[in-house]
């Protein structure tokens, strides 16, 4: 702003002179808020993954294989249902 040394700037010129800095500040603040709002979701995903892995290992170890041979899909579905709050028993 060296070109405006001894001049009085109008409000419009003041806004134009500082618009870039204000927009950069708003962008930075927005990025920080978005990142902070993702922290709880990341924690939930980490807990869900741990639940799913543990449930899958338990179900693979203790489940009797069915005759159709699609046990991997059955184990995955059971662990997913369990970690999402579903029943331990399959539907009848």
N, C-alpha and C. Protein backbone atom coordinates (compact mmCIF):
# COMPACT_ATOMS: atom_id res chain seq x y z
N UNK A 1 0.82 -1.19 0.00
CA UNK A 1 0.00 0.00 0.00
C UNK A 1 0.87 1.25 0.00
N UNK A 2 2.02 1.14 -0.54
CA UNK A 2 2.91 2.28 -0.60
C UNK A 2 2.41 3.35 -1.57
N UNK A 3 1.52 2.98 -2.47
CA UNK A 3 0.98 3.97 -3.40
C UNK A 3 -0.08 4.85 -2.75
N UNK A 4 -0.50 4.55 -1.53
CA UNK A 4 -1.51 5.34 -0.82
C UNK A 4 -0.93 5.98 0.44
N UNK A 5 0.28 6.41 0.41
CA UNK A 5 0.96 6.90 1.62
C UNK A 5 0.22 8.01 2.33
N UNK A 6 -0.07 9.10 1.68
CA UNK A 6 -0.68 10.24 2.35
C UNK A 6 -2.13 10.45 1.94
N UNK A 7 -2.76 9.45 1.40
CA UNK A 7 -4.15 9.59 0.97
C UNK A 7 -5.08 8.92 1.96
N UNK A 8 -6.26 9.49 2.09
CA UNK A 8 -7.30 8.88 2.93
C UNK A 8 -8.09 7.93 2.04
N UNK A 9 -8.16 6.65 2.41
CA UNK A 9 -8.86 5.66 1.61
C UNK A 9 -10.34 5.64 1.96
N UNK A 10 -11.15 5.47 0.94
CA UNK A 10 -12.59 5.34 1.18
C UNK A 10 -12.86 3.93 1.72
N UNK A 11 -14.01 3.70 2.32
CA UNK A 11 -14.32 2.36 2.85
C UNK A 11 -14.23 1.27 1.77
N UNK A 12 -14.68 1.58 0.57
CA UNK A 12 -14.63 0.61 -0.52
C UNK A 12 -13.18 0.26 -0.86
N UNK A 13 -12.31 1.25 -0.91
CA UNK A 13 -10.90 1.01 -1.20
C UNK A 13 -10.23 0.23 -0.08
N UNK A 14 -10.62 0.50 1.16
CA UNK A 14 -10.08 -0.26 2.29
C UNK A 14 -10.43 -1.74 2.18
N UNK A 15 -11.69 -2.01 1.82
CA UNK A 15 -12.14 -3.40 1.67
C UNK A 15 -11.37 -4.07 0.54
N UNK A 16 -11.22 -3.39 -0.58
CA UNK A 16 -10.48 -3.95 -1.71
C UNK A 16 -9.02 -4.19 -1.36
N UNK A 17 -8.43 -3.30 -0.58
CA UNK A 17 -7.02 -3.44 -0.23
C UNK A 17 -6.78 -4.63 0.70
N UNK A 18 -7.77 -4.99 1.51
CA UNK A 18 -7.60 -6.07 2.48
C UNK A 18 -8.37 -7.34 2.11
N UNK A 19 -9.02 -7.38 0.98
CA UNK A 19 -9.85 -8.52 0.60
C UNK A 19 -9.04 -9.81 0.50
N UNK A 20 -7.87 -9.75 -0.06
CA UNK A 20 -7.06 -10.96 -0.21
C UNK A 20 -6.68 -11.58 1.12
N UNK A 21 -6.26 -10.75 2.04
CA UNK A 21 -5.86 -11.23 3.37
C UNK A 21 -7.07 -11.81 4.10
N UNK A 22 -8.20 -11.14 4.01
CA UNK A 22 -9.42 -11.60 4.69
C UNK A 22 -9.87 -12.94 4.12
N UNK A 23 -9.82 -13.09 2.80
CA UNK A 23 -10.22 -14.36 2.18
C UNK A 23 -9.26 -15.49 2.55
N UNK A 24 -7.97 -15.21 2.62
CA UNK A 24 -7.01 -16.22 3.03
C UNK A 24 -7.23 -16.63 4.48
N UNK A 25 -7.53 -15.68 5.33
CA UNK A 25 -7.80 -15.97 6.73
C UNK A 25 -9.07 -16.82 6.86
N UNK A 26 -10.11 -16.47 6.13
CA UNK A 26 -11.36 -17.23 6.17
C UNK A 26 -11.15 -18.65 5.66
N UNK A 27 -10.35 -18.80 4.63
CA UNK A 27 -10.05 -20.13 4.09
C UNK A 27 -9.29 -20.98 5.11
N UNK A 28 -8.32 -20.39 5.76
CA UNK A 28 -7.53 -21.11 6.76
C UNK A 28 -8.40 -21.54 7.94
N UNK A 29 -9.23 -20.65 8.41
CA UNK A 29 -10.12 -20.97 9.54
C UNK A 29 -11.08 -22.08 9.14
N UNK A 30 -11.62 -22.02 7.93
CA UNK A 30 -12.53 -23.06 7.46
C UNK A 30 -11.85 -24.41 7.40
N UNK A 31 -10.62 -24.46 6.91
CA UNK A 31 -9.89 -25.73 6.83
C UNK A 31 -9.64 -26.31 8.22
N UNK A 32 -9.32 -25.47 9.19
CA UNK A 32 -9.10 -25.95 10.56
C UNK A 32 -10.39 -26.49 11.16
N UNK A 33 -11.50 -25.81 10.93
CA UNK A 33 -12.80 -26.26 11.47
C UNK A 33 -13.20 -27.59 10.84
N UNK A 34 -13.01 -27.74 9.54
CA UNK A 34 -13.34 -29.00 8.87
C UNK A 34 -12.49 -30.13 9.40
N UNK A 35 -11.20 -29.90 9.56
CA UNK A 35 -10.31 -30.94 10.08
C UNK A 35 -10.69 -31.32 11.51
N UNK A 36 -11.03 -30.35 12.32
CA UNK A 36 -11.42 -30.63 13.70
C UNK A 36 -12.73 -31.40 13.77
N UNK A 37 -13.64 -31.15 12.84
CA UNK A 37 -14.92 -31.86 12.85
C UNK A 37 -14.78 -33.31 12.39
N UNK A 38 -13.68 -33.66 11.74
CA UNK A 38 -13.46 -35.04 11.29
C UNK A 38 -12.82 -35.92 12.36
N UNK A 39 -12.31 -35.34 13.42
CA UNK A 39 -11.65 -36.12 14.48
C UNK A 39 -12.59 -37.12 15.13
N UNK A 40 -13.81 -36.76 15.55
CA UNK A 40 -14.69 -37.76 16.16
C UNK A 40 -15.05 -38.90 15.19
N UNK A 41 -15.20 -38.59 13.93
CA UNK A 41 -15.53 -39.62 12.95
C UNK A 41 -14.36 -40.60 12.78
N UNK A 42 -13.15 -40.08 12.82
CA UNK A 42 -11.97 -40.95 12.71
C UNK A 42 -11.87 -41.87 13.93
N UNK A 43 -12.16 -41.34 15.11
CA UNK A 43 -12.14 -42.16 16.32
C UNK A 43 -13.19 -43.26 16.26
N UNK A 44 -14.39 -42.92 15.80
CA UNK A 44 -15.46 -43.91 15.69
C UNK A 44 -15.08 -45.00 14.69
N UNK A 45 -14.50 -44.61 13.58
CA UNK A 45 -14.09 -45.59 12.57
C UNK A 45 -13.02 -46.53 13.12
N UNK A 46 -12.10 -46.00 13.90
CA UNK A 46 -11.05 -46.82 14.49
C UNK A 46 -11.64 -47.84 15.47
N UNK A 47 -12.58 -47.40 16.31
CA UNK A 47 -13.23 -48.31 17.25
C UNK A 47 -14.06 -49.36 16.52
N UNK A 48 -14.77 -48.95 15.47
CA UNK A 48 -15.59 -49.90 14.71
C UNK A 48 -14.71 -50.95 14.05
N UNK A 49 -13.58 -50.52 13.50
CA UNK A 49 -12.67 -51.47 12.84
C UNK A 49 -12.12 -52.48 13.84
N UNK A 50 -11.77 -52.02 15.04
CA UNK A 50 -11.29 -52.93 16.08
C UNK A 50 -12.38 -53.92 16.47
N UNK A 51 -13.61 -53.45 16.61
CA UNK A 51 -14.74 -54.33 16.93
C UNK A 51 -14.93 -55.37 15.82
N UNK A 52 -14.89 -54.91 14.58
CA UNK A 52 -15.12 -55.81 13.45
C UNK A 52 -14.02 -56.88 13.37
N UNK A 53 -12.77 -56.48 13.54
CA UNK A 53 -11.67 -57.44 13.47
C UNK A 53 -11.77 -58.48 14.59
N UNK A 54 -12.05 -58.01 15.80
CA UNK A 54 -12.18 -58.93 16.94
C UNK A 54 -13.37 -59.87 16.76
N UNK A 55 -14.49 -59.33 16.32
CA UNK A 55 -15.69 -60.15 16.13
C UNK A 55 -15.48 -61.16 15.01
N UNK A 56 -14.82 -60.75 13.97
CA UNK A 56 -14.56 -61.65 12.84
C UNK A 56 -13.67 -62.80 13.28
N UNK A 57 -12.60 -62.51 14.03
CA UNK A 57 -11.72 -63.57 14.52
C UNK A 57 -12.49 -64.54 15.42
N UNK A 58 -13.31 -64.00 16.31
CA UNK A 58 -14.09 -64.85 17.22
C UNK A 58 -15.06 -65.71 16.43
N UNK A 59 -15.77 -65.13 15.48
CA UNK A 59 -16.78 -65.87 14.73
C UNK A 59 -16.14 -66.94 13.86
N UNK A 60 -15.00 -66.65 13.26
CA UNK A 60 -14.30 -67.65 12.44
C UNK A 60 -13.86 -68.82 13.32
N UNK A 61 -13.42 -68.52 14.53
CA UNK A 61 -12.92 -69.57 15.42
C UNK A 61 -14.03 -70.45 15.96
N UNK A 62 -15.18 -69.86 16.29
CA UNK A 62 -16.23 -70.61 16.99
C UNK A 62 -17.42 -71.01 16.13
N UNK A 63 -17.52 -70.52 14.93
CA UNK A 63 -18.69 -70.83 14.11
C UNK A 63 -18.47 -72.15 13.37
N UNK A 64 -19.48 -72.98 13.40
CA UNK A 64 -19.44 -74.24 12.65
C UNK A 64 -19.72 -73.91 11.19
N UNK A 65 -18.89 -74.43 10.29
CA UNK A 65 -19.07 -74.13 8.87
C UNK A 65 -20.38 -74.71 8.36
N UNK A 66 -21.06 -73.94 7.53
CA UNK A 66 -22.29 -74.45 6.94
C UNK A 66 -21.96 -75.20 5.65
N UNK A 67 -22.92 -75.90 5.14
CA UNK A 67 -22.67 -76.79 4.01
C UNK A 67 -22.51 -76.07 2.68
N UNK A 68 -22.90 -74.80 2.59
CA UNK A 68 -22.82 -74.10 1.30
C UNK A 68 -21.42 -73.64 0.98
N UNK A 69 -20.54 -73.54 1.95
CA UNK A 69 -19.16 -73.17 1.70
C UNK A 69 -18.92 -71.68 1.60
N UNK A 70 -19.92 -70.85 1.83
CA UNK A 70 -19.74 -69.39 1.75
C UNK A 70 -19.49 -68.80 3.14
N UNK A 71 -18.61 -69.43 3.87
CA UNK A 71 -18.40 -69.01 5.26
C UNK A 71 -17.76 -67.65 5.38
N UNK A 72 -16.90 -67.25 4.44
CA UNK A 72 -16.24 -65.94 4.54
C UNK A 72 -17.28 -64.82 4.51
N UNK A 73 -18.25 -64.92 3.60
CA UNK A 73 -19.30 -63.91 3.53
C UNK A 73 -20.18 -63.93 4.77
N UNK A 74 -20.44 -65.12 5.29
CA UNK A 74 -21.25 -65.24 6.50
C UNK A 74 -20.53 -64.61 7.68
N UNK A 75 -19.23 -64.86 7.80
CA UNK A 75 -18.45 -64.28 8.89
C UNK A 75 -18.42 -62.76 8.80
N UNK A 76 -18.20 -62.25 7.60
CA UNK A 76 -18.16 -60.79 7.40
C UNK A 76 -19.51 -60.16 7.75
N UNK A 77 -20.58 -60.77 7.29
CA UNK A 77 -21.92 -60.23 7.55
C UNK A 77 -22.23 -60.27 9.04
N UNK A 78 -21.86 -61.37 9.71
CA UNK A 78 -22.13 -61.47 11.13
C UNK A 78 -21.36 -60.41 11.91
N UNK A 79 -20.06 -60.24 11.61
CA UNK A 79 -19.25 -59.26 12.33
C UNK A 79 -19.76 -57.84 12.09
N UNK A 80 -20.16 -57.55 10.86
CA UNK A 80 -20.70 -56.23 10.55
C UNK A 80 -21.99 -55.98 11.31
N UNK A 81 -22.89 -56.97 11.31
CA UNK A 81 -24.16 -56.81 12.02
C UNK A 81 -23.92 -56.63 13.52
N UNK A 82 -23.01 -57.40 14.08
CA UNK A 82 -22.73 -57.31 15.51
C UNK A 82 -22.18 -55.93 15.88
N UNK A 83 -21.21 -55.43 15.11
CA UNK A 83 -20.59 -54.14 15.44
C UNK A 83 -21.52 -52.96 15.17
N UNK A 84 -22.54 -53.17 14.36
CA UNK A 84 -23.53 -52.11 14.13
C UNK A 84 -24.67 -52.17 15.14
N UNK A 85 -24.57 -53.08 16.13
CA UNK A 85 -25.57 -53.13 17.18
C UNK A 85 -26.62 -54.20 16.98
N UNK A 86 -26.38 -55.12 16.07
CA UNK A 86 -27.36 -56.16 15.78
C UNK A 86 -27.28 -57.32 16.76
N UNK A 87 -28.12 -58.28 16.53
CA UNK A 87 -28.22 -59.45 17.38
C UNK A 87 -27.04 -60.38 17.16
N UNK A 88 -26.73 -61.19 18.17
CA UNK A 88 -25.68 -62.19 18.03
C UNK A 88 -26.16 -63.41 17.26
N UNK A 89 -27.45 -63.65 17.29
CA UNK A 89 -28.01 -64.81 16.60
C UNK A 89 -28.49 -64.41 15.21
N UNK A 90 -28.35 -65.29 14.23
CA UNK A 90 -28.89 -64.98 12.91
C UNK A 90 -30.41 -64.96 12.95
N UNK A 91 -30.98 -64.27 12.02
CA UNK A 91 -32.44 -64.18 11.98
C UNK A 91 -33.04 -65.54 11.64
N UNK A 92 -34.19 -65.78 12.23
CA UNK A 92 -34.86 -67.06 11.97
C UNK A 92 -35.91 -66.95 10.93
